[in-house]
Protein backbone atom coordinates (compact mmCIF):
# COMPACT_ATOMS: atom_id res chain seq x y z
CA MET A 1 88.69 28.46 37.53
CA GLY A 2 92.06 27.80 36.26
CA ALA A 3 94.23 29.67 33.90
CA ASP A 4 92.46 30.45 30.26
CA LYS A 5 94.27 27.40 28.74
CA PRO A 6 95.00 24.40 31.03
CA THR A 7 98.52 23.45 31.55
CA GLY A 8 99.69 20.38 30.35
CA ALA A 9 101.22 18.01 33.29
CA SER A 10 102.34 14.69 33.38
CA TRP A 11 101.05 12.14 35.94
CA SER A 12 103.89 13.03 38.49
CA ASP A 13 103.13 16.93 37.97
CA ALA A 14 99.64 16.41 38.64
CA GLY A 15 100.27 15.18 41.63
CA ASP A 16 102.78 17.53 42.73
CA ARG A 17 99.74 20.37 41.71
CA VAL A 18 97.44 18.67 44.00
CA ARG A 19 99.45 18.55 46.71
CA GLY A 20 100.14 22.39 46.69
CA ARG A 21 96.73 23.32 46.58
CA VAL A 22 96.19 20.86 49.53
CA HIS A 23 98.67 22.69 51.37
CA ARG A 24 97.77 25.90 50.38
CA ALA A 25 94.02 25.89 51.20
CA SER A 26 92.06 26.14 54.83
CA PRO A 27 92.58 24.06 57.49
CA GLY A 28 89.53 21.99 58.74
CA ARG A 29 87.73 22.42 55.49
CA ALA A 30 87.42 19.80 53.10
CA ARG A 31 89.94 20.15 49.90
CA LEU A 32 88.12 19.52 46.67
CA ALA A 33 90.54 18.39 43.76
CA ASP A 34 88.53 17.03 40.10
CA ARG A 35 89.24 15.04 37.51
CA ASP A 36 86.99 14.96 34.33
CA GLY A 37 87.77 13.47 30.76
CA THR A 38 86.64 11.37 28.26
CA GLY A 39 86.32 7.18 28.68
CA GLY A 40 83.15 7.90 31.41
CA HIS A 41 80.93 5.39 32.82
CA ARG A 42 81.42 2.19 35.01
CA ARG A 43 81.52 0.67 31.37
CA ALA A 44 83.00 3.10 28.84
CA ARG A 45 86.68 4.10 30.38
CA GLY A 46 90.31 4.43 29.18
CA ALA A 47 91.29 7.58 29.98
CA GLY A 48 93.28 6.70 33.11
CA LYS A 49 91.47 9.35 35.67
CA SER A 50 90.74 6.42 38.12
CA SER A 51 94.52 5.77 37.84
CA LEU A 52 95.36 9.31 38.33
CA ALA A 53 93.08 9.52 41.23
CA ARG A 54 94.64 6.53 42.83
CA ARG A 55 98.34 8.54 42.68
CA ILE A 56 96.67 11.12 44.38
CA ARG A 57 95.00 9.16 46.90
CA ASP A 58 98.37 7.35 47.19
CA ALA A 59 100.45 10.60 47.70
CA LEU A 60 98.39 12.03 50.18
CA ASP A 61 97.04 11.96 53.54
CA ASP A 62 93.09 11.36 54.26
CA VAL A 63 92.09 11.31 50.76
CA THR A 64 88.25 9.90 50.03
CA VAL A 65 88.01 9.23 46.14
CA ILE A 66 84.33 9.63 44.78
CA CYS A 67 83.30 8.01 41.27
CA LEU A 68 80.77 9.72 39.99
CA ASP A 69 79.58 5.93 38.67
CA ALA A 70 78.22 6.26 41.87
CA PHE A 71 75.36 8.47 40.60
CA SER A 72 75.10 7.05 37.05
CA ARG A 73 72.85 3.62 35.73
CA PRO A 74 73.12 1.64 33.34
CA THR A 75 69.85 1.91 31.29
CA VAL A 76 70.32 5.83 32.28
CA THR A 77 72.34 8.24 29.90
CA GLY A 78 74.48 10.61 31.54
CA THR A 79 75.22 10.94 35.65
CA ASP A 80 72.41 12.46 38.31
CA TRP A 81 74.18 15.45 38.73
CA ARG A 82 72.02 17.09 40.93
CA ARG A 83 71.81 14.15 43.65
CA PHE A 84 75.67 14.52 43.58
CA MET A 85 75.15 17.96 44.70
CA ALA A 86 72.79 17.03 47.24
CA GLN A 87 74.34 14.57 48.58
CA VAL A 88 77.59 15.11 48.44
CA LEU A 89 78.97 18.87 47.20
CA ASN A 90 76.25 21.07 48.92
CA PRO A 91 77.22 19.57 52.52
CA ILE A 92 81.13 18.92 52.05
CA LEU A 93 80.79 23.13 51.14
CA SER A 94 78.72 23.74 53.86
CA GLY A 95 81.20 21.94 56.18
CA ARG A 96 78.98 18.86 56.43
CA PRO A 97 79.77 15.40 55.86
CA GLY A 98 78.57 13.89 52.52
CA ARG A 99 76.43 10.76 52.30
CA TYR A 100 75.71 8.83 48.73
CA ARG A 101 74.19 5.83 47.95
CA GLN A 102 76.14 3.82 45.28
CA TRP A 103 74.33 2.59 42.27
CA ASP A 104 75.59 -1.26 42.25
CA TRP A 105 75.85 -1.70 38.29
CA ASP A 106 75.62 -4.94 37.88
CA HIS A 107 72.10 -5.63 39.57
CA ASP A 108 71.01 -2.53 38.26
CA ARG A 109 70.27 -1.25 41.34
CA PRO A 110 71.14 1.01 44.79
CA GLY A 111 73.95 -0.28 46.28
CA GLY A 112 75.06 0.39 49.92
CA TRP A 113 75.54 4.38 51.54
CA GLN A 114 79.19 5.76 51.66
CA VAL A 115 80.14 8.27 53.70
CA VAL A 116 82.48 11.30 52.69
CA PRO A 117 84.27 13.09 56.04
CA THR A 118 84.46 16.42 56.12
CA GLY A 119 88.33 18.14 56.57
CA GLY A 120 89.94 16.13 54.37
CA VAL A 121 90.69 15.93 50.51
CA VAL A 122 88.08 15.02 48.33
CA VAL A 123 88.86 13.80 44.85
CA VAL A 124 85.86 13.94 42.36
CA GLU A 125 86.58 11.33 38.98
CA GLY A 126 84.28 11.01 36.37
CA VAL A 127 82.99 12.39 32.81
CA GLY A 128 81.03 15.42 33.90
CA ALA A 129 82.81 16.01 37.16
CA THR A 130 82.96 19.83 35.95
CA ARG A 131 80.19 20.25 34.24
CA ARG A 132 79.19 24.16 34.52
CA GLU A 133 75.67 23.18 36.95
CA LEU A 134 77.81 22.39 39.95
CA GLY A 135 79.74 25.75 39.46
CA HIS A 136 83.55 25.55 40.33
CA PRO A 137 83.83 24.58 43.84
CA TRP A 138 87.44 23.04 43.18
CA HIS A 139 90.76 23.89 44.12
CA LEU A 140 92.16 22.43 41.36
CA THR A 141 90.56 20.71 37.86
CA ILE A 142 92.24 18.10 35.87
CA TRP A 143 91.30 16.95 32.65
CA VAL A 144 92.77 13.95 31.46
CA ALA A 145 92.13 12.44 27.48
CA ALA A 146 93.44 10.05 25.54
CA PRO A 147 92.51 9.33 21.80
CA THR A 148 89.73 7.57 21.16
CA ASP A 149 91.28 4.38 19.41
CA LEU A 150 93.40 3.51 22.55
CA ARG A 151 90.00 4.32 24.84
CA LEU A 152 87.80 1.76 22.66
CA GLN A 153 90.53 -0.34 22.67
CA ARG A 154 91.21 -0.16 26.89
CA GLY A 155 87.42 -0.55 26.71
CA VAL A 156 86.94 -3.89 24.98
CA GLU A 157 89.24 -5.33 26.49
CA ARG A 158 88.05 -4.88 29.88
CA ASP A 159 84.25 -5.64 28.90
CA GLY A 160 84.71 -8.08 25.78
CA GLU A 161 84.25 -7.81 21.94
CA GLU A 162 80.14 -8.10 22.47
CA MET A 163 80.46 -4.69 24.33
CA ARG A 164 81.88 -2.83 21.24
CA ALA A 165 78.54 -1.55 20.01
CA VAL A 166 78.17 -0.33 22.98
CA TRP A 167 80.96 1.74 23.28
CA THR A 168 81.02 3.03 19.56
CA ASP A 169 77.31 3.47 19.44
CA ARG A 170 76.16 4.77 23.09
CA TRP A 171 78.78 5.99 25.62
CA MET A 172 81.67 7.71 23.68
CA PRO A 173 79.26 9.85 21.26
CA GLN A 174 77.58 10.80 24.88
CA GLU A 175 80.76 11.89 26.01
CA ASP A 176 81.60 13.54 23.14
CA ALA A 177 78.56 15.61 23.21
CA TYR A 178 79.21 16.10 26.83
CA VAL A 179 82.52 17.73 25.79
CA ALA A 180 81.33 20.23 22.49
CA GLU A 181 78.58 21.40 24.43
CA GLN A 182 80.61 21.82 28.20
CA ARG A 183 84.02 22.58 26.90
CA PRO A 184 85.32 21.05 30.51
CA ASP A 185 89.20 20.27 28.45
CA GLU A 186 89.32 24.30 28.03
CA ARG A 187 88.27 24.94 31.72
CA ALA A 188 90.91 22.82 33.49
CA ASP A 189 93.32 23.98 35.70
CA LEU A 190 95.80 20.61 33.75
CA ARG A 191 95.53 18.74 30.90
CA VAL A 192 97.08 15.46 31.45
CA ASP A 193 97.67 13.09 29.00
CA GLY A 194 95.78 9.63 29.75
CA ALA A 195 98.20 7.48 27.05
CA ALA A 196 101.16 8.86 27.99
CA PRO A 197 103.91 6.48 29.92
CA SER A 198 103.87 5.89 33.41
CA SER A 199 105.06 3.96 36.07
CA SER A 200 102.09 2.01 36.42
CA PRO A 201 98.90 0.86 33.72
CA PRO A 202 95.66 2.27 33.45
CA SER A 203 93.66 1.02 36.39
CA THR A 204 91.76 -2.28 35.89
CA THR A 205 89.97 -1.99 39.14
CA ARG A 206 87.58 0.20 40.76
CA GLU A 207 87.80 1.41 44.14
CA ASP A 208 85.46 -1.10 45.33
CA GLY A 209 87.08 -3.65 44.48
CA GLY A 210 85.32 -4.68 41.40
CA PRO A 211 86.45 -4.46 37.76
CA LEU A 212 86.38 -1.86 35.69
CA ARG A 213 84.08 -2.30 32.93
């Protein structure tokens, strides 16, 4: 676990901290970095978590980014964290490759299989990534947050005005309930302002090339 209160950090500072933790970690084993934050499911983003994940991936060698959207479904509340533990976290912690099946949100059905190799850096991003049930396997945890109005603005810009009610009536209340119950913002090592200016704007594409919804 990090300090009693998370340290504030800029986008570049967060990348430097991840790099430092990776260099101090045991060689040959996967190094785990985690980014939680508000603005969560594939169709409910806006805090800047995916942008930060991309920065970390570009700054380090041998990085695998896992988005928890792969363990969520558009018609089911929350993330299937038990499947994440069974298919990714437990194997990686045991020195074995992880293997999981992404969920195809466009068609609401299982998608392709993904392999998480050992020995590199694994970055997990998404709302619920630091939930207490997962324990604390992370070398570094980062909380990314942005004001409610900005998250909503980004979401509507990406999803269209017809999705505003889904944001305000479903996804954002779910995220708020998670934060109130689990206080991931207080348990993170670093806190990054997703609304702060950076050298590149928040991502509008997923890791698999599709649009961020």
